[in-house]
Each structure stands twice: as structure tokens, then as C-alpha cells.
Amino acid sequence: MSQEFEPEATRRDAGDAESTRANRGWWDRNADEYQQDHGAFLGDDRFIWGPEGLDEAEAGLLGPAGSLKGLNVLEIGAGAAQCSRWLAAQGARPVALDLSHRQLQHALRIGGDVRLVEADAGTLPFRDGSFDLACSAYGAVPFVADPVRVFREVRRVLRPGGRWVFSVTHPIRWAFPDEPGPEGLSVASSYFDRTPYVEQDEQGRAVYVEHHCTLGDRVREVVAGGFRLVDLVEPEWPAWNGQEWGGWSPLRGNLIPGTAIFVCERD
């Protein structure tokens, strides 16, 4: 009886095409487990920015909830479109875009008045100036080799003055092991090592890719994409949140930041 091969974790270069192919396949294969494990925490119609549980209803990073009515909003890397459902409840007209067909099937399963689009964030299938706002909660940005290309596409489809808000793993996390317990509190690698994290199969083909950059890199990418950085939010771990989510946990969250949220505007 043959054993199922466990992907090998390594650090190596991975370009745009390889990253896209690997991550589309990974999310299609793992969407069911992801929604089963995290669906209750995310809710069907809440806008949660990350594992800390920061809620857009309280944070108002896209603007006051009352100001969203009638706005066209693009959610990138929407998964099961939980955030878009919350936006629709505020009277916005959201479009939920994701690379993964299986994730969007979960969006269909949950339902709601949200337009779903399967597409690559680096080639957005929309006309120039189609949206008032764009957002992404841990979607697309950490998984692409060329984030500036994504940012320029987002800028293209936004109207002048449009806001682009996205959350990613905080860059400092890359220096620590991806462990929620005490073993994850000691620096294990260089913060300045930009080599992507890759999981690959027996033939050396990537099956999952995540890209790292420093905080300064990310700011420069935002500017190169044609945006002005308005705010950088580093959510603290709240006392009510006792969950572990991968390497995120109350222990680590009370000591080091786990999420970075970039609030940007198109001039």
C-alpha cells in the first residue's frame, strides 16, 4: 500500500506563474477543511481582518459603516465571501473575487446577495474606475511573487480617492517559528531573508507558496503601486480571544504582532 507523500517544506525562489498554480491548487484542495476549521470564527457575514478578531464594524478602516451604502466594493481573495456579505448588509455593492473555485463554491453554499468572480488578482477583469473601495483580508497579497502588479491593478479599477485596505501576516512573524506555543517565541531565521516559503511535491513542484518581505518593502510596494499609505494598523490580541490559529495564539499575540493592515488611498 503506497503512503501519501507529505509535501516538503523549503525556502527557494518561486515566480508568479508557479506561485499562482500552486496556490490555486492548494486552496481548492484545502477549502473544505479551512471553512470547517475557521468558518465559525469568521462567521457567514462578518468582516474579520485576521486571527486577532479585529472586526471592521468596530475598526472602520474602510470608513464609517454608514458611508458604505451605495458604494461599489471589490474584495480580493474573498474565500467564502464572508466580508462581502457584511458589506452588502451595509448597503454596499460588493464583488467577491478569488482564485480558488472551491472557495467560491463555499460562497455559493452560504448564499447572499454578492457577485462572485473567479480570477487572478494580478489581472482583474474589470474596467478602469469600476470601484469606490477595495479590500482584502489575508487574500492574494501574501501569495503573489509580484505584489506591485496586484496593487497597480487595484489602482486601475479604483476611482480617484478610492481606498485600498489589505491585511497580511506581519513581516516580523517570519523571523519566528510558525508555532503557537513557547517554542515559537525565539527568533529562528533572519527577518531580512526574503526567500519564499515553499511546500513541494516529490518532483519538486510547488504545491503551496507564501512570499515574505520586510515592513519597509511592503511600504515601498504600496507606493510603487500608486497609492498613498494613510495608516498601518497592528492589531493587539484581545483578552476575549482564546483561540489558536496556526502560529497565532494568545501567548504570541500578547508579545509580538501577528497581522499588519495597510490602509491606502489612490490619489
Foldseek 3Di string as FASTA:
>chain_A
DDDDFFFDKDFADDAFVLLLVQVQLLCQVCLVVCCVVCVVLLDQAWAAQDLLRDTCCPVQLQHHLLVQADFEEEEAQCQLVNPVNNSVVSNHAYEYEHQHPNSPVSVVVSDHRYHYYHDQLLDDPDAFQQGQEYEYRQHRQQRGPQVLSSLLSVLRNHDAFHKYKYKHWALVQVQFPQAQDPNRPDGDDDSQDFGWIFTAGPVRRTNHITTHHHPVVVCVSNVSSQKDWDDKDQDARDPVNQDDDGSDGNVVSNPDTTMIMTMITHD
